[in-house]
Structures are given as structure tokens and as C-alpha cells.
């Protein structure tokens, strides 16, 4: 019995080591695939800035005015500011990750441009789900 254990133990250890090596190679492959991905270049040159109207013209300001604008630099050197308009409104929204299992029922919220809103609640209450709906990571099931 002892001779059998003495003989089979190193074989078991080698198989465990090989399993670890195979998993490491698979992980390494995924890492190298990620490193080989083409770099995403941000061609966006439009930024969101605080703005205010001065003599009827929208200008950038460091002070918080509650007015937001897209700062759009042009190739000829001039700057254009376009006021951010629009509200976020969800009215009587139902949502579920699975079609027959709704997890959010009759959710309504409203936000003005530039307004800060906090989602507070217990774990599993739907805070992240609502945020993902606002960012359009998921489509709303029922309106």
C-alpha cells in the first residue's frame, strides 16, 4: 500500500502542476489578446463646460451657473458653445433582465440638465440597474 502511494503521489502532483500551467497559459492568451487590441483613440474634441450668457452670448465660465454647454473648437481656431438642453424623464418604467421576470416596477424619475441625483438604497434595490437604463446599456421593457 505504501509503495503504491509512493508511486502515485508524484504523478498526482505532476497532473496538478500541469493543470495549473494550462490554466495560466489560457489566462496569458486572454491577456495577450487584450494587449494586442487596437488602441481606441478619442477623436472627441467636444467637452462639457460651465457656461453663462453675457450680453446675449454664451461663454465659458469657471463659476457654477447651472447652465452647461458643449465647447466645440473648430480647426480655424474659433470656439463655439452650444447650450446643453433637455431633461431626463422616466415615467412608469418596468424592466427585467429576463422577459418574464420584471425587477423594476412603475419607476418614475425626472432630472434637469446639470442636476445631481443620488440613488440610495439597500443592496439589490435596483440602483445599478436604473443607472444602466439611463446610460442605455439596456432597453426599457414597458413604458
N, C-alpha and C. Protein backbone atom coordinates (compact mmCIF):
# COMPACT_ATOMS: atom_id res chain seq x y z
N UNK A 1 0.83 -1.19 0.00
CA UNK A 1 0.00 0.00 0.00
C UNK A 1 0.88 1.26 0.00
N UNK A 2 1.88 1.25 0.88
CA UNK A 2 2.79 2.39 0.97
C UNK A 2 3.54 2.57 -0.34
N UNK A 3 3.96 1.48 -0.95
CA UNK A 3 4.67 1.54 -2.21
C UNK A 3 3.78 2.13 -3.30
N UNK A 4 2.50 1.76 -3.30
CA UNK A 4 1.54 2.29 -4.28
C UNK A 4 1.37 3.80 -4.10
N UNK A 5 1.22 4.25 -2.85
CA UNK A 5 1.08 5.69 -2.58
C UNK A 5 2.34 6.44 -2.99
N UNK A 6 3.50 5.86 -2.67
CA UNK A 6 4.77 6.49 -3.01
C UNK A 6 4.92 6.64 -4.51
N UNK A 7 4.38 5.70 -5.24
CA UNK A 7 4.48 5.74 -6.70
C UNK A 7 3.46 6.70 -7.33
N UNK A 8 2.23 6.72 -6.80
CA UNK A 8 1.17 7.53 -7.43
C UNK A 8 1.17 9.00 -6.99
N UNK A 9 1.70 9.31 -5.81
CA UNK A 9 1.70 10.70 -5.32
C UNK A 9 2.42 11.65 -6.27
N UNK A 10 3.62 11.37 -6.76
CA UNK A 10 4.28 12.29 -7.69
C UNK A 10 3.50 12.45 -9.00
N UNK A 11 2.84 11.40 -9.45
CA UNK A 11 2.03 11.50 -10.67
C UNK A 11 0.87 12.46 -10.44
N UNK A 12 0.23 12.36 -9.29
CA UNK A 12 -0.87 13.29 -8.95
C UNK A 12 -0.39 14.72 -8.86
N UNK A 13 0.79 14.91 -8.27
CA UNK A 13 1.35 16.26 -8.15
C UNK A 13 1.69 16.84 -9.53
N UNK A 14 2.24 16.01 -10.39
CA UNK A 14 2.56 16.48 -11.74
C UNK A 14 1.29 16.86 -12.49
N UNK A 15 0.23 16.07 -12.35
CA UNK A 15 -1.03 16.40 -13.04
C UNK A 15 -1.61 17.70 -12.51
N UNK A 16 -1.48 17.95 -11.20
CA UNK A 16 -1.96 19.22 -10.65
C UNK A 16 -1.13 20.38 -11.19
N UNK A 17 0.17 20.21 -11.29
CA UNK A 17 1.04 21.24 -11.83
C UNK A 17 0.70 21.52 -13.30
N UNK A 18 0.47 20.46 -14.06
CA UNK A 18 0.10 20.62 -15.47
C UNK A 18 -1.23 21.37 -15.60
N UNK A 19 -2.18 21.06 -14.73
CA UNK A 19 -3.47 21.75 -14.74
C UNK A 19 -3.27 23.24 -14.47
N UNK A 20 -2.42 23.57 -13.51
CA UNK A 20 -2.13 24.97 -13.19
C UNK A 20 -1.46 25.66 -14.39
N UNK A 21 -0.54 24.97 -15.05
CA UNK A 21 0.14 25.55 -16.21
C UNK A 21 -0.83 25.79 -17.35
N UNK A 22 -1.75 24.85 -17.59
CA UNK A 22 -2.73 25.01 -18.67
C UNK A 22 -3.64 26.20 -18.38
N UNK A 23 -4.07 26.34 -17.13
CA UNK A 23 -4.92 27.49 -16.78
C UNK A 23 -4.15 28.80 -16.93
N UNK A 24 -2.86 28.80 -16.55
CA UNK A 24 -2.05 30.01 -16.69
C UNK A 24 -1.86 30.36 -18.16
N UNK A 25 -1.65 29.37 -19.01
CA UNK A 25 -1.50 29.64 -20.44
C UNK A 25 -2.78 30.20 -21.04
N UNK A 26 -3.93 29.66 -20.61
CA UNK A 26 -5.21 30.18 -21.11
C UNK A 26 -5.40 31.63 -20.67
N UNK A 27 -5.08 31.93 -19.40
CA UNK A 27 -5.17 33.30 -18.92
C UNK A 27 -4.21 34.22 -19.64
N UNK A 28 -2.98 33.72 -19.88
CA UNK A 28 -1.99 34.51 -20.61
C UNK A 28 -2.44 34.82 -22.02
N UNK A 29 -3.08 33.83 -22.65
CA UNK A 29 -3.59 34.05 -24.01
C UNK A 29 -4.60 35.19 -24.03
N UNK A 30 -5.52 35.18 -23.04
CA UNK A 30 -6.52 36.25 -22.98
C UNK A 30 -5.87 37.60 -22.72
N UNK A 31 -4.86 37.62 -21.86
CA UNK A 31 -4.16 38.88 -21.57
C UNK A 31 -3.47 39.41 -22.82
N UNK A 32 -2.78 38.52 -23.55
CA UNK A 32 -2.08 38.96 -24.75
C UNK A 32 -3.06 39.38 -25.85
N UNK A 33 -4.22 38.73 -25.94
CA UNK A 33 -5.24 39.16 -26.90
C UNK A 33 -5.71 40.56 -26.56
N UNK A 34 -5.89 40.83 -25.27
CA UNK A 34 -6.31 42.17 -24.85
C UNK A 34 -5.22 43.20 -25.14
N UNK A 35 -3.96 42.83 -24.91
CA UNK A 35 -2.86 43.75 -25.19
C UNK A 35 -2.70 44.01 -26.68
N UNK A 36 -3.07 43.04 -27.51
CA UNK A 36 -2.94 43.18 -28.96
C UNK A 36 -4.09 43.95 -29.59
N UNK A 37 -5.14 44.24 -28.80
CA UNK A 37 -6.27 45.01 -29.34
C UNK A 37 -5.79 46.37 -29.81
N UNK A 38 -6.41 46.85 -30.87
CA UNK A 38 -6.07 48.17 -31.37
C UNK A 38 -6.52 49.22 -30.37
N UNK A 39 -5.66 50.17 -30.11
CA UNK A 39 -5.95 51.21 -29.13
C UNK A 39 -7.10 52.08 -29.63
N UNK A 40 -8.03 52.36 -28.71
CA UNK A 40 -9.12 53.26 -29.05
C UNK A 40 -8.61 54.69 -28.94
N UNK A 41 -8.84 55.45 -29.97
CA UNK A 41 -8.40 56.84 -29.99
C UNK A 41 -9.62 57.73 -29.80
N UNK A 42 -9.53 58.61 -28.85
CA UNK A 42 -10.63 59.54 -28.59
C UNK A 42 -10.51 60.70 -29.55
N UNK A 43 -11.31 60.66 -30.59
CA UNK A 43 -11.33 61.75 -31.56
C UNK A 43 -12.24 62.89 -31.11
N UNK A 44 -12.87 62.67 -29.96
CA UNK A 44 -13.78 63.69 -29.45
C UNK A 44 -13.02 64.92 -29.01
N UNK A 45 -13.41 66.02 -29.49
CA UNK A 45 -12.78 67.27 -29.10
C UNK A 45 -13.81 68.21 -28.50
N UNK A 46 -15.00 67.70 -28.28
CA UNK A 46 -16.06 68.49 -27.68
C UNK A 46 -16.09 68.17 -26.19
N UNK A 47 -16.09 69.20 -25.35
CA UNK A 47 -16.12 68.99 -23.91
C UNK A 47 -17.29 69.74 -23.30
N UNK A 48 -17.75 69.23 -22.17
CA UNK A 48 -18.85 69.85 -21.44
C UNK A 48 -18.28 70.83 -20.43
N UNK A 49 -18.76 72.09 -20.45
CA UNK A 49 -18.22 73.13 -19.58
C UNK A 49 -19.36 73.91 -18.92
N UNK A 50 -19.04 74.56 -17.81
CA UNK A 50 -19.97 75.51 -17.20
C UNK A 50 -20.04 76.73 -18.12
N UNK A 51 -21.24 77.27 -18.27
CA UNK A 51 -21.40 78.41 -19.17
C UNK A 51 -22.38 79.43 -18.58
N UNK A 52 -22.34 80.60 -19.16
CA UNK A 52 -23.30 81.64 -18.79
C UNK A 52 -23.50 82.54 -19.99
N UNK A 53 -24.60 83.24 -19.97
CA UNK A 53 -24.88 84.21 -21.03
C UNK A 53 -24.36 85.57 -20.59
N UNK A 54 -23.58 86.20 -21.48
CA UNK A 54 -23.07 87.54 -21.23
C UNK A 54 -23.33 88.36 -22.48
N UNK A 55 -24.16 89.40 -22.34
CA UNK A 55 -24.59 90.23 -23.47
C UNK A 55 -25.23 89.38 -24.57
N UNK A 56 -26.01 88.36 -24.13
CA UNK A 56 -26.73 87.52 -25.07
C UNK A 56 -25.89 86.45 -25.75
N UNK A 57 -24.61 86.36 -25.36
CA UNK A 57 -23.71 85.38 -25.97
C UNK A 57 -23.32 84.35 -24.90
N UNK A 58 -23.34 83.09 -25.26
CA UNK A 58 -22.97 82.01 -24.36
C UNK A 58 -21.45 81.92 -24.28
N UNK A 59 -20.91 82.01 -23.03
CA UNK A 59 -19.46 81.94 -22.85
C UNK A 59 -19.14 80.93 -21.74
N UNK A 60 -17.90 80.45 -21.74
CA UNK A 60 -17.45 79.53 -20.70
C UNK A 60 -17.11 80.30 -19.43
N UNK A 61 -17.38 79.67 -18.29
CA UNK A 61 -17.06 80.28 -17.01
C UNK A 61 -16.60 79.21 -16.03
N UNK A 62 -15.81 79.60 -15.06
CA UNK A 62 -15.36 78.66 -14.03
C UNK A 62 -16.39 78.53 -12.92
N UNK A 63 -17.24 79.54 -12.77
CA UNK A 63 -18.24 79.50 -11.71
C UNK A 63 -19.37 78.55 -12.10
N UNK A 64 -20.01 77.98 -11.10
CA UNK A 64 -21.12 77.06 -11.33
C UNK A 64 -22.40 77.87 -11.49
N UNK A 65 -22.91 77.86 -12.70
CA UNK A 65 -24.08 78.68 -13.02
C UNK A 65 -25.34 77.85 -13.18
N UNK A 66 -25.19 76.54 -13.29
CA UNK A 66 -26.35 75.70 -13.56
C UNK A 66 -26.64 75.58 -15.05
N UNK A 67 -25.90 76.33 -15.85
CA UNK A 67 -26.02 76.25 -17.30
C UNK A 67 -24.80 75.51 -17.83
N UNK A 68 -25.04 74.54 -18.70
CA UNK A 68 -23.97 73.75 -19.27
C UNK A 68 -23.95 73.93 -20.78
N UNK A 69 -22.75 73.83 -21.34
CA UNK A 69 -22.62 73.98 -22.79
C UNK A 69 -21.55 73.03 -23.31
N UNK A 70 -21.72 72.63 -24.57
CA UNK A 70 -20.69 71.85 -25.26
C UNK A 70 -19.71 72.83 -25.88
N UNK A 71 -18.44 72.70 -25.51
CA UNK A 71 -17.39 73.56 -26.06
C UNK A 71 -16.84 72.86 -27.30
N UNK A 72 -17.00 73.50 -28.45
CA UNK A 72 -16.64 72.89 -29.72
C UNK A 72 -15.59 73.73 -30.42
N UNK A 73 -14.31 73.34 -30.31
CA UNK A 73 -13.27 74.10 -31.02
C UNK A 73 -13.26 73.73 -32.51
N UNK A 74 -13.09 74.71 -33.35
CA UNK A 74 -13.03 74.48 -34.79
C UNK A 74 -11.58 74.55 -35.26
N UNK A 75 -11.33 74.02 -36.45
CA UNK A 75 -9.97 73.96 -36.98
C UNK A 75 -9.40 75.34 -37.29
N UNK A 76 -10.27 76.31 -37.48
CA UNK A 76 -9.77 77.66 -37.78
C UNK A 76 -9.48 78.47 -36.51
N UNK A 77 -9.62 77.82 -35.33
CA UNK A 77 -9.26 78.48 -34.08
C UNK A 77 -10.42 79.07 -33.30
N UNK A 78 -11.58 79.18 -33.91
CA UNK A 78 -12.70 79.77 -33.17
C UNK A 78 -13.38 78.70 -32.31
N UNK A 79 -14.02 79.16 -31.24
CA UNK A 79 -14.75 78.28 -30.32
C UNK A 79 -16.24 78.51 -30.47
N UNK A 80 -16.98 77.43 -30.43
CA UNK A 80 -18.43 77.53 -30.48
C UNK A 80 -18.98 76.85 -29.23
N UNK A 81 -19.93 77.50 -28.58
CA UNK A 81 -20.57 76.94 -27.39
C UNK A 81 -22.03 76.67 -27.73
N UNK A 82 -22.46 75.44 -27.46
CA UNK A 82 -23.85 75.05 -27.70
C UNK A 82 -24.44 74.64 -26.36
N UNK A 83 -25.50 75.35 -25.96
CA UNK A 83 -26.09 75.08 -24.65
C UNK A 83 -26.67 73.66 -24.59
N UNK A 84 -26.40 73.00 -23.47
CA UNK A 84 -26.94 71.67 -23.22
C UNK A 84 -28.39 71.83 -22.77
N UNK A 85 -29.27 71.23 -23.52
CA UNK A 85 -30.70 71.32 -23.20
C UNK A 85 -31.25 69.92 -23.11
N UNK A 86 -32.35 69.81 -22.44
CA UNK A 86 -33.02 68.53 -22.36
C UNK A 86 -33.10 68.04 -20.93
N UNK A 87 -34.08 67.24 -20.70
CA UNK A 87 -34.31 66.66 -19.40
C UNK A 87 -34.29 65.14 -19.53
N UNK A 88 -34.00 64.49 -18.44
CA UNK A 88 -34.12 63.03 -18.39
C UNK A 88 -35.41 62.72 -17.67
N UNK A 89 -36.23 61.91 -18.29
CA UNK A 89 -37.51 61.59 -17.69
C UNK A 89 -37.85 60.13 -17.94
N UNK A 90 -38.06 59.41 -16.87
CA UNK A 90 -38.59 58.05 -16.94
C UNK A 90 -39.95 58.07 -16.27
N UNK A 91 -40.94 57.55 -16.95
CA UNK A 91 -42.30 57.57 -16.41
C UNK A 91 -42.88 56.17 -16.46
N UNK A 92 -43.24 55.65 -15.31
CA UNK A 92 -43.89 54.35 -15.18
C UNK A 92 -43.13 53.24 -15.91
N UNK A 93 -41.83 53.15 -15.67
CA UNK A 93 -40.97 52.19 -16.36
C UNK A 93 -40.96 50.85 -15.63
N UNK A 94 -41.09 49.79 -16.39
CA UNK A 94 -40.91 48.42 -15.90
C UNK A 94 -39.69 47.84 -16.61
N UNK A 95 -38.90 47.05 -15.89
CA UNK A 95 -37.72 46.45 -16.51
C UNK A 95 -37.38 45.13 -15.86
N UNK A 96 -36.90 44.21 -16.66
CA UNK A 96 -36.40 42.93 -16.17
C UNK A 96 -35.31 42.43 -17.07
N UNK A 97 -34.31 41.78 -16.49
CA UNK A 97 -33.24 41.21 -17.31
C UNK A 97 -33.76 40.04 -18.13
N UNK A 98 -34.76 39.35 -17.58
CA UNK A 98 -35.44 38.29 -18.31
C UNK A 98 -36.85 38.77 -18.61
N UNK A 99 -37.36 38.39 -19.77
CA UNK A 99 -38.64 38.92 -20.24
C UNK A 99 -39.80 38.63 -19.29
N UNK A 100 -39.81 37.48 -18.66
CA UNK A 100 -40.93 37.11 -17.80
C UNK A 100 -40.66 37.37 -16.32
N UNK A 101 -39.57 38.05 -16.00
CA UNK A 101 -39.22 38.31 -14.60
C UNK A 101 -38.83 39.78 -14.44
N UNK A 102 -39.83 40.62 -14.19
CA UNK A 102 -39.59 42.06 -14.03
C UNK A 102 -39.02 42.34 -12.64
N UNK A 103 -38.00 43.19 -12.59
CA UNK A 103 -37.39 43.52 -11.29
C UNK A 103 -37.65 44.97 -10.89
N UNK A 104 -37.93 45.83 -11.86
CA UNK A 104 -38.31 47.21 -11.56
C UNK A 104 -39.75 47.41 -12.03
N UNK A 105 -40.56 47.94 -11.15
CA UNK A 105 -41.97 48.12 -11.47
C UNK A 105 -42.37 49.58 -11.26
N UNK A 106 -42.92 50.18 -12.29
CA UNK A 106 -43.51 51.52 -12.20
C UNK A 106 -42.54 52.55 -11.63
N UNK A 107 -41.32 52.61 -12.19
CA UNK A 107 -40.29 53.56 -11.75
C UNK A 107 -40.47 54.87 -12.53
N UNK A 108 -40.47 55.98 -11.82
CA UNK A 108 -40.53 57.30 -12.45
C UNK A 108 -39.46 58.19 -11.84
N UNK A 109 -38.78 58.96 -12.70
CA UNK A 109 -37.83 59.95 -12.21
C UNK A 109 -37.68 61.05 -13.23
N UNK A 110 -37.23 62.19 -12.77
CA UNK A 110 -37.08 63.38 -13.61
C UNK A 110 -35.82 64.11 -13.17
N UNK A 111 -35.03 64.55 -14.14
CA UNK A 111 -33.82 65.31 -13.82
C UNK A 111 -33.65 66.45 -14.82
N UNK A 112 -33.29 67.60 -14.30
CA UNK A 112 -33.00 68.76 -15.14
C UNK A 112 -31.54 68.69 -15.58
N UNK A 113 -31.17 69.36 -16.65
CA UNK A 113 -29.76 69.37 -17.07
C UNK A 113 -28.86 69.90 -15.96
N UNK A 114 -27.77 69.18 -15.69
CA UNK A 114 -26.81 69.60 -14.68
C UNK A 114 -27.20 69.25 -13.26
N UNK A 115 -28.41 68.76 -13.06
CA UNK A 115 -28.87 68.42 -11.72
C UNK A 115 -28.19 67.12 -11.27
N UNK A 116 -27.78 67.09 -10.02
CA UNK A 116 -27.17 65.88 -9.47
C UNK A 116 -28.22 65.10 -8.71
N UNK A 117 -28.25 63.79 -8.96
CA UNK A 117 -29.22 62.92 -8.31
C UNK A 117 -28.46 61.75 -7.70
N UNK A 118 -28.84 61.34 -6.52
CA UNK A 118 -28.22 60.19 -5.87
C UNK A 118 -29.24 59.06 -5.79
N UNK A 119 -28.79 57.86 -6.08
CA UNK A 119 -29.61 56.66 -5.91
C UNK A 119 -29.13 55.99 -4.63
N UNK A 120 -30.01 55.90 -3.66
CA UNK A 120 -29.68 55.35 -2.36
C UNK A 120 -30.65 54.23 -2.06
N UNK A 121 -30.13 53.13 -1.54
CA UNK A 121 -30.99 52.03 -1.17
C UNK A 121 -30.18 50.81 -0.80
N UNK A 122 -30.88 49.80 -0.37
CA UNK A 122 -30.23 48.56 0.06
C UNK A 122 -29.65 47.82 -1.14
N UNK A 123 -28.76 46.90 -0.87
CA UNK A 123 -28.19 46.06 -1.91
C UNK A 123 -29.32 45.30 -2.61
N UNK A 124 -29.29 45.33 -3.92
CA UNK A 124 -30.32 44.63 -4.69
C UNK A 124 -31.58 45.44 -4.93
N UNK A 125 -31.57 46.72 -4.55
CA UNK A 125 -32.77 47.55 -4.70
C UNK A 125 -32.95 48.05 -6.13
N UNK A 126 -31.91 47.99 -6.97
CA UNK A 126 -32.03 48.40 -8.36
C UNK A 126 -31.28 49.66 -8.73
N UNK A 127 -30.38 50.14 -7.87
CA UNK A 127 -29.64 51.37 -8.15
C UNK A 127 -28.80 51.25 -9.43
N UNK A 128 -28.03 50.20 -9.53
CA UNK A 128 -27.17 50.00 -10.70
C UNK A 128 -28.01 49.75 -11.94
N UNK A 129 -29.10 49.03 -11.80
CA UNK A 129 -29.98 48.76 -12.94
C UNK A 129 -30.55 50.06 -13.50
N UNK A 130 -30.99 50.96 -12.64
CA UNK A 130 -31.53 52.24 -13.10
C UNK A 130 -30.43 53.04 -13.80
N UNK A 131 -29.24 53.06 -13.23
CA UNK A 131 -28.12 53.76 -13.85
C UNK A 131 -27.82 53.18 -15.23
N UNK A 132 -27.83 51.86 -15.35
CA UNK A 132 -27.59 51.22 -16.64
C UNK A 132 -28.69 51.53 -17.65
N UNK A 133 -29.92 51.66 -17.19
CA UNK A 133 -31.02 52.06 -18.08
C UNK A 133 -30.82 53.48 -18.58
N UNK A 134 -30.40 54.38 -17.69
CA UNK A 134 -30.17 55.77 -18.09
C UNK A 134 -29.05 55.88 -19.12
N UNK A 135 -28.03 55.03 -18.98
CA UNK A 135 -26.91 55.04 -19.92
C UNK A 135 -27.18 54.22 -21.17
N UNK A 136 -28.39 53.68 -21.28
CA UNK A 136 -28.83 52.90 -22.44
C UNK A 136 -28.05 51.61 -22.64
N UNK A 137 -27.54 51.03 -21.53
CA UNK A 137 -26.91 49.72 -21.62
C UNK A 137 -27.98 48.65 -21.81
N UNK A 138 -29.21 48.95 -21.37
CA UNK A 138 -30.34 48.06 -21.55
C UNK A 138 -31.50 48.88 -22.10
N UNK A 139 -32.39 48.23 -22.79
CA UNK A 139 -33.60 48.88 -23.28
C UNK A 139 -34.73 48.68 -22.29
N UNK A 140 -35.59 49.67 -22.21
CA UNK A 140 -36.74 49.61 -21.31
C UNK A 140 -37.76 48.63 -21.89
N UNK A 141 -38.32 47.78 -21.02
CA UNK A 141 -39.28 46.78 -21.47
C UNK A 141 -40.66 47.38 -21.73
N UNK A 142 -41.14 48.16 -20.79
CA UNK A 142 -42.51 48.67 -20.87
C UNK A 142 -42.50 50.12 -20.47
N UNK A 143 -43.27 50.94 -21.16
CA UNK A 143 -43.30 52.38 -20.83
C UNK A 143 -44.65 52.77 -20.34
